[in-house]
Amino acid sequence: MFYVGLDLGQRRDFSALAVVEREEPKFEWVAAPRELSVRHLERMDLGSPYPRIVKRVCDVMRHPKMEHRSRLVVDATGVGAPVVDLLQSAGLGVSLTTVTITGGERAHGQGERWHVPRGDLLAGLEVLLEAGELKISRRLREAERLVKELEAMQLGSQNQSRNKSGGGEHDDLVFAVALAVWRARRAENRFGDRRLPGI
């Protein structure tokens, strides 16, 4: 199953797209955590109009390997609502989850509309990276930039700033991956509102 995370930027922030694949177990009775692999990373040109971003997302979602095997997770914070409307009217035929990133303490929501603390998204990513359960191929064009973003951010820190980290790096790719990973892990944990183990 593929989870596509879309972090939306504005004039000073890039919009970024990440495709994360969750490996399905060979046997249904295996309860081990499923490995997640980042399969695609993309950062749109600064100032890209939202209709162009929607078209690009549609192109990615309609890839033959991903058709009928993918879910889209969109950052609905700020400018996200109109873009979500555009994506829903594009007729993708996939499940679309909206995530409003908050400074709160607990994820809450129902169905496919969620409010998730920034810290939960980042801590979940950090836990998976430390456990070796999230693989990022160095062959991806934007892999090096993602690694720089990860290094510049203080994952799990109390800094609630949404735009740039202290190192001056953008965090667009990190949040695109974090959104996809959050949804993939929620699918494993019955998509509830309880925190993931270790968080």
Protein backbone atom coordinates (compact mmCIF):
# COMPACT_ATOMS: atom_id res chain seq x y z
CA MET A 1 0.00 0.00 0.00
CA PHE A 2 1.25 3.49 -0.86
CA TYR A 3 0.74 6.59 1.28
CA VAL A 4 1.26 9.93 -0.44
CA GLY A 5 1.99 12.91 1.80
CA LEU A 6 1.47 16.44 0.46
CA ASP A 7 2.87 19.35 2.47
CA LEU A 8 1.56 22.61 1.04
CA GLY A 9 3.71 25.71 0.92
CA GLN A 10 3.00 29.32 0.19
CA ARG A 11 5.14 32.03 -1.34
CA ARG A 12 8.17 31.42 0.89
CA ASP A 13 7.72 27.71 1.50
CA PHE A 14 7.91 24.90 -1.01
CA SER A 15 5.15 22.37 -1.53
CA ALA A 16 6.48 18.84 -1.24
CA LEU A 17 5.26 15.38 -2.15
CA ALA A 18 6.41 12.07 -0.65
CA VAL A 19 5.37 8.52 -1.50
CA VAL A 20 5.86 5.96 1.25
CA GLU A 21 5.19 2.28 0.68
CA ARG A 22 4.11 0.03 3.51
CA GLU A 23 5.28 -3.51 2.91
CA GLU A 24 2.45 -5.97 3.31
CA PRO A 25 3.28 -9.09 5.34
CA LYS A 26 3.67 -12.31 3.40
CA PHE A 27 1.47 -14.03 5.96
CA GLU A 28 -1.66 -12.52 7.50
CA TRP A 29 -0.85 -13.87 10.96
CA VAL A 30 2.51 -12.05 11.17
CA ALA A 31 2.16 -9.23 13.73
CA ALA A 32 5.61 -7.68 13.29
CA PRO A 33 5.78 -3.98 12.36
CA ARG A 34 5.64 -3.44 8.63
CA GLU A 35 8.64 -1.75 7.08
CA LEU A 36 8.04 1.62 5.45
CA SER A 37 10.08 2.75 2.44
CA VAL A 38 10.24 6.22 0.93
CA ARG A 39 9.76 5.57 -2.80
CA HIS A 40 9.45 9.11 -4.18
CA LEU A 41 10.34 12.64 -3.02
CA GLU A 42 9.55 15.81 -4.86
CA ARG A 43 9.72 19.48 -4.02
CA MET A 44 7.69 21.78 -6.30
CA ASP A 45 9.06 25.07 -7.59
CA LEU A 46 8.63 27.95 -5.18
CA GLY A 47 5.40 29.81 -5.90
CA SER A 48 3.89 26.99 -7.98
CA PRO A 49 0.19 27.71 -8.49
CA TYR A 50 -2.08 25.28 -6.65
CA PRO A 51 -3.81 23.99 -9.83
CA ARG A 52 -0.36 22.92 -11.09
CA ILE A 53 0.36 21.18 -7.77
CA VAL A 54 -3.00 19.38 -7.95
CA LYS A 55 -2.22 18.24 -11.50
CA ARG A 56 1.16 16.89 -10.40
CA VAL A 57 -0.40 15.04 -7.46
CA CYS A 58 -2.96 13.52 -9.83
CA ASP A 59 -0.19 12.39 -12.19
CA VAL A 60 1.66 10.68 -9.33
CA MET A 61 -1.49 9.08 -7.89
CA ARG A 62 -2.46 7.68 -11.30
CA HIS A 63 0.84 5.83 -11.74
CA PRO A 64 -0.02 2.22 -12.70
CA LYS A 65 1.75 0.75 -9.64
CA MET A 66 -0.24 3.01 -7.32
CA GLU A 67 -3.73 2.88 -8.79
CA HIS A 68 -6.17 1.32 -6.32
CA ARG A 69 -3.31 0.83 -3.84
CA SER A 70 -2.80 4.32 -2.45
CA ARG A 71 -4.06 6.92 0.00
CA LEU A 72 -3.44 10.66 -0.14
CA VAL A 73 -2.69 12.63 3.04
CA VAL A 74 -2.84 16.43 2.69
CA ASP A 75 -1.67 19.15 5.04
CA ALA A 76 -4.91 21.12 5.49
CA THR A 77 -3.31 23.77 7.70
CA GLY A 78 -3.73 27.33 6.46
CA VAL A 79 -4.09 27.31 2.67
CA GLY A 80 -4.83 23.59 2.60
CA ALA A 81 -8.65 23.75 2.52
CA PRO A 82 -9.00 25.16 -1.03
CA VAL A 83 -6.37 22.72 -2.33
CA VAL A 84 -8.25 19.84 -0.70
CA ASP A 85 -11.37 21.02 -2.56
CA LEU A 86 -9.42 21.01 -5.83
CA LEU A 87 -8.08 17.51 -5.16
CA GLN A 88 -11.54 16.18 -4.29
CA SER A 89 -13.01 17.63 -7.48
CA ALA A 90 -10.17 16.10 -9.54
CA GLY A 91 -11.85 12.70 -9.29
CA LEU A 92 -8.80 10.77 -8.14
CA GLY A 93 -10.87 7.91 -6.82
CA VAL A 94 -8.59 7.43 -3.79
CA SER A 95 -9.08 7.93 -0.09
CA LEU A 96 -8.04 11.44 0.94
CA THR A 97 -7.10 12.22 4.54
CA THR A 98 -6.78 15.83 5.67
CA VAL A 99 -4.45 16.69 8.54
CA THR A 100 -4.44 20.07 10.25
CA ILE A 101 -1.11 20.40 12.03
CA THR A 102 -1.56 21.83 15.52
CA GLY A 103 0.43 22.75 18.58
CA GLY A 104 -1.83 20.59 20.77
CA GLU A 105 -1.01 17.48 22.74
CA ARG A 106 -3.23 14.80 21.21
CA ALA A 107 -4.41 13.84 17.76
CA HIS A 108 -8.16 14.03 17.37
CA GLY A 109 -10.61 13.69 14.57
CA GLN A 110 -12.79 11.18 12.87
CA GLY A 111 -13.06 9.55 9.50
CA GLU A 112 -10.55 11.19 7.21
CA ARG A 113 -10.32 14.63 8.94
CA TRP A 114 -7.71 14.92 11.67
CA HIS A 115 -5.92 17.49 13.83
CA VAL A 116 -2.46 16.20 14.69
CA PRO A 117 0.18 17.85 16.89
CA ARG A 118 3.36 18.81 15.09
CA GLY A 119 5.31 16.98 17.78
CA ASP A 120 3.45 13.71 17.13
CA LEU A 121 4.28 13.85 13.43
CA LEU A 122 7.98 14.51 14.06
CA ALA A 123 8.37 12.14 17.00
CA GLY A 124 6.71 9.33 15.04
CA LEU A 125 9.17 9.89 12.22
CA GLU A 126 12.11 9.95 14.63
CA VAL A 127 11.04 6.71 16.34
CA LEU A 128 10.78 4.88 13.01
CA LEU A 129 14.15 6.17 11.79
CA GLU A 130 15.87 5.17 15.03
CA ALA A 131 14.28 1.71 14.92
CA GLY A 132 15.32 1.23 11.29
CA GLU A 133 11.68 0.79 10.25
CA LEU A 134 11.75 3.65 7.71
CA LYS A 135 14.04 3.27 4.72
CA ILE A 136 15.10 6.19 2.53
CA SER A 137 16.89 5.29 -0.67
CA ARG A 138 19.90 7.49 -1.37
CA ARG A 139 19.10 7.10 -5.08
CA LEU A 140 16.10 9.42 -4.77
CA ARG A 141 16.80 12.81 -6.27
CA GLU A 142 15.72 14.69 -3.15
CA ALA A 143 17.10 12.20 -0.60
CA GLU A 144 20.08 14.37 0.29
CA ARG A 145 17.86 17.39 0.82
CA LEU A 146 15.54 15.33 3.05
CA VAL A 147 18.50 14.18 5.14
CA LYS A 148 19.63 17.81 5.51
CA GLU A 149 16.14 18.83 6.60
CA LEU A 150 16.07 16.00 9.14
CA GLU A 151 19.48 16.97 10.48
CA ALA A 152 18.53 20.64 10.74
CA MET A 153 15.37 19.93 12.67
CA GLN A 154 15.44 19.01 16.30
CA LEU A 155 12.98 16.13 16.08
CA GLY A 156 10.78 15.90 19.13
CA SER A 157 11.89 19.30 20.42
CA GLN A 158 9.57 21.70 22.19
CA ASN A 159 10.02 24.27 19.40
CA GLN A 160 6.54 24.61 17.91
CA SER A 161 7.58 26.83 14.97
CA ARG A 162 5.92 25.53 11.78
CA ASN A 163 8.06 27.19 9.12
CA LYS A 164 11.81 26.95 9.45
CA SER A 165 14.00 25.17 11.90
CA GLY A 166 16.83 26.82 13.75
CA GLY A 167 19.28 25.71 11.08
CA GLY A 168 17.58 27.77 8.40
CA GLU A 169 16.53 24.76 6.36
CA HIS A 170 13.04 24.29 5.00
CA ASP A 171 11.07 21.38 6.44
CA ASP A 172 8.78 20.67 3.48
CA LEU A 173 10.06 17.20 2.62
CA VAL A 174 10.17 16.19 6.29
CA PHE A 175 6.50 17.06 6.73
CA ALA A 176 5.46 15.37 3.47
CA VAL A 177 7.14 12.16 4.67
CA ALA A 178 5.80 12.60 8.22
CA LEU A 179 2.22 12.92 6.95
CA ALA A 180 2.51 9.77 4.83
CA VAL A 181 4.16 7.84 7.67
CA TRP A 182 1.57 9.02 10.21
CA ARG A 183 -1.28 7.73 8.02
CA ALA A 184 0.49 4.46 7.28
CA ARG A 185 1.05 3.81 10.98
CA ARG A 186 -2.49 4.84 11.85
CA ALA A 187 -3.71 2.21 9.39
CA GLU A 188 -1.73 -0.39 11.36
CA ASN A 189 -3.12 0.91 14.66
CA ARG A 190 -6.77 0.99 13.55
CA PHE A 191 -6.50 4.70 12.70
CA GLY A 192 -7.43 5.65 16.26
CA ASP A 193 -6.56 8.70 18.28
CA ARG A 194 -4.27 7.01 20.76
CA ARG A 195 -0.56 7.73 20.57
CA LEU A 196 1.80 5.33 18.87
CA PRO A 197 3.99 3.11 21.07
CA GLY A 198 7.01 5.04 22.33
CA ILE A 199 5.41 8.45 21.85
